[in-house]
Amino acid sequence: MTTTLLVLTLTVFGAADTPTTKEKPKHSPYAPSLPYLTKEEEEKIDEIIENKRSMAQAIVGSGEEWLTKLSTAELLELLTLRTAAVQQ
């Protein structure tokens, strides 16, 4: 997921960062189709990634330990598709 976010973010910043002069932007040797990022763009991407990590931590918590503590019946209840969900 983080890789997808990074690629999409790089694409958006790369597309929006068209040079105003005739000078071609320098391209990354790792991804020749993408220009190098400015310091500000890198900081913005780092901020986005950190915000997503914080959000995931707040929603899920750390690790999947809670999942391993469920009984078979509780796990079945959690994963069962309800008729009400399909009818919506």
Protein backbone atom coordinates (compact mmCIF):
# COMPACT_ATOMS: atom_id res chain seq x y z
CA MET A 1 0.00 0.00 0.00
CA THR A 2 2.81 2.39 0.85
CA THR A 3 4.50 1.68 -2.48
CA THR A 4 1.29 2.41 -4.36
CA LEU A 5 0.81 5.64 -2.44
CA LEU A 6 4.39 6.69 -3.16
CA VAL A 7 4.08 5.95 -6.89
CA LEU A 8 0.79 7.83 -7.13
CA THR A 9 2.17 10.76 -5.17
CA LEU A 10 5.30 10.87 -7.30
CA THR A 11 3.15 10.80 -10.43
CA VAL A 12 0.96 13.66 -9.20
CA PHE A 13 3.90 15.80 -8.12
CA GLY A 14 5.81 14.94 -11.29
CA ALA A 15 2.88 15.87 -13.53
CA ALA A 16 2.22 19.11 -11.66
CA ASP A 17 5.88 20.10 -11.66
CA THR A 18 6.35 21.00 -15.29
CA PRO A 19 9.31 23.31 -15.80
CA THR A 20 8.58 26.83 -17.01
CA THR A 21 11.88 27.02 -18.89
CA LYS A 22 13.03 24.85 -21.75
CA GLU A 23 15.41 23.05 -19.37
CA LYS A 24 14.52 19.39 -18.98
CA PRO A 25 14.21 18.15 -15.40
CA LYS A 26 16.79 15.65 -14.20
CA HIS A 27 15.39 12.16 -13.99
CA SER A 28 15.93 9.54 -11.35
CA PRO A 29 18.20 6.65 -12.34
CA TYR A 30 15.80 4.33 -10.48
CA ALA A 31 12.67 5.55 -12.25
CA PRO A 32 13.74 7.31 -15.47
CA SER A 33 10.19 8.35 -16.31
CA LEU A 34 9.97 10.39 -13.07
CA PRO A 35 11.89 13.58 -12.35
CA TYR A 36 13.81 14.04 -9.13
CA LEU A 37 11.71 15.48 -6.32
CA THR A 38 12.40 18.78 -4.65
CA LYS A 39 13.04 18.89 -0.92
CA GLU A 40 9.53 20.29 -0.38
CA GLU A 41 7.95 17.46 -2.38
CA GLU A 42 9.90 14.85 -0.42
CA GLU A 43 8.82 16.44 2.87
CA LYS A 44 5.17 16.47 1.74
CA ILE A 45 5.34 12.78 0.79
CA ASP A 46 6.96 11.96 4.14
CA GLU A 47 4.16 13.86 5.89
CA ILE A 48 1.48 11.97 3.94
CA ILE A 49 3.07 8.61 4.74
CA GLU A 50 3.42 9.48 8.42
CA ASN A 51 -0.23 10.62 8.58
CA LYS A 52 -1.35 7.34 7.00
CA ARG A 53 0.74 5.34 9.49
CA SER A 54 -0.75 7.30 12.40
CA MET A 55 -4.26 6.75 11.08
CA ALA A 56 -3.65 3.01 10.65
CA GLN A 57 -2.20 2.80 14.16
CA ALA A 58 -5.23 4.58 15.60
CA ILE A 59 -7.70 2.38 13.73
CA VAL A 60 -6.10 -1.04 13.84
CA GLY A 61 -3.45 -0.76 16.51
CA SER A 62 -0.10 -2.41 16.32
CA GLY A 63 0.03 -5.88 14.93
CA GLU A 64 -2.61 -8.51 14.50
CA GLU A 65 -2.38 -9.96 18.00
CA TRP A 66 -6.06 -9.23 18.69
CA LEU A 67 -6.97 -11.42 15.72
CA THR A 68 -5.02 -14.41 17.02
CA LYS A 69 -6.85 -14.23 20.35
CA LEU A 70 -10.27 -14.78 18.77
CA SER A 71 -11.93 -18.16 19.13
CA THR A 72 -13.04 -20.05 16.03
CA ALA A 73 -16.64 -18.98 16.63
CA GLU A 74 -15.64 -15.32 17.06
CA LEU A 75 -13.51 -15.44 13.90
CA LEU A 76 -16.37 -17.00 11.96
CA GLU A 77 -18.73 -14.29 13.24
CA LEU A 78 -16.27 -11.58 12.20
CA LEU A 79 -15.81 -12.91 8.68
CA THR A 80 -19.38 -13.97 7.91
CA LEU A 81 -21.07 -11.98 5.16
CA ARG A 82 -24.45 -10.81 6.39
CA THR A 83 -27.57 -10.76 4.21
CA ALA A 84 -28.16 -7.12 5.18
CA ALA A 85 -24.76 -6.15 3.79
CA VAL A 86 -25.54 -7.74 0.43
CA GLN A 87 -28.99 -6.14 0.15
CA GLN A 88 -27.72 -2.56 0.51
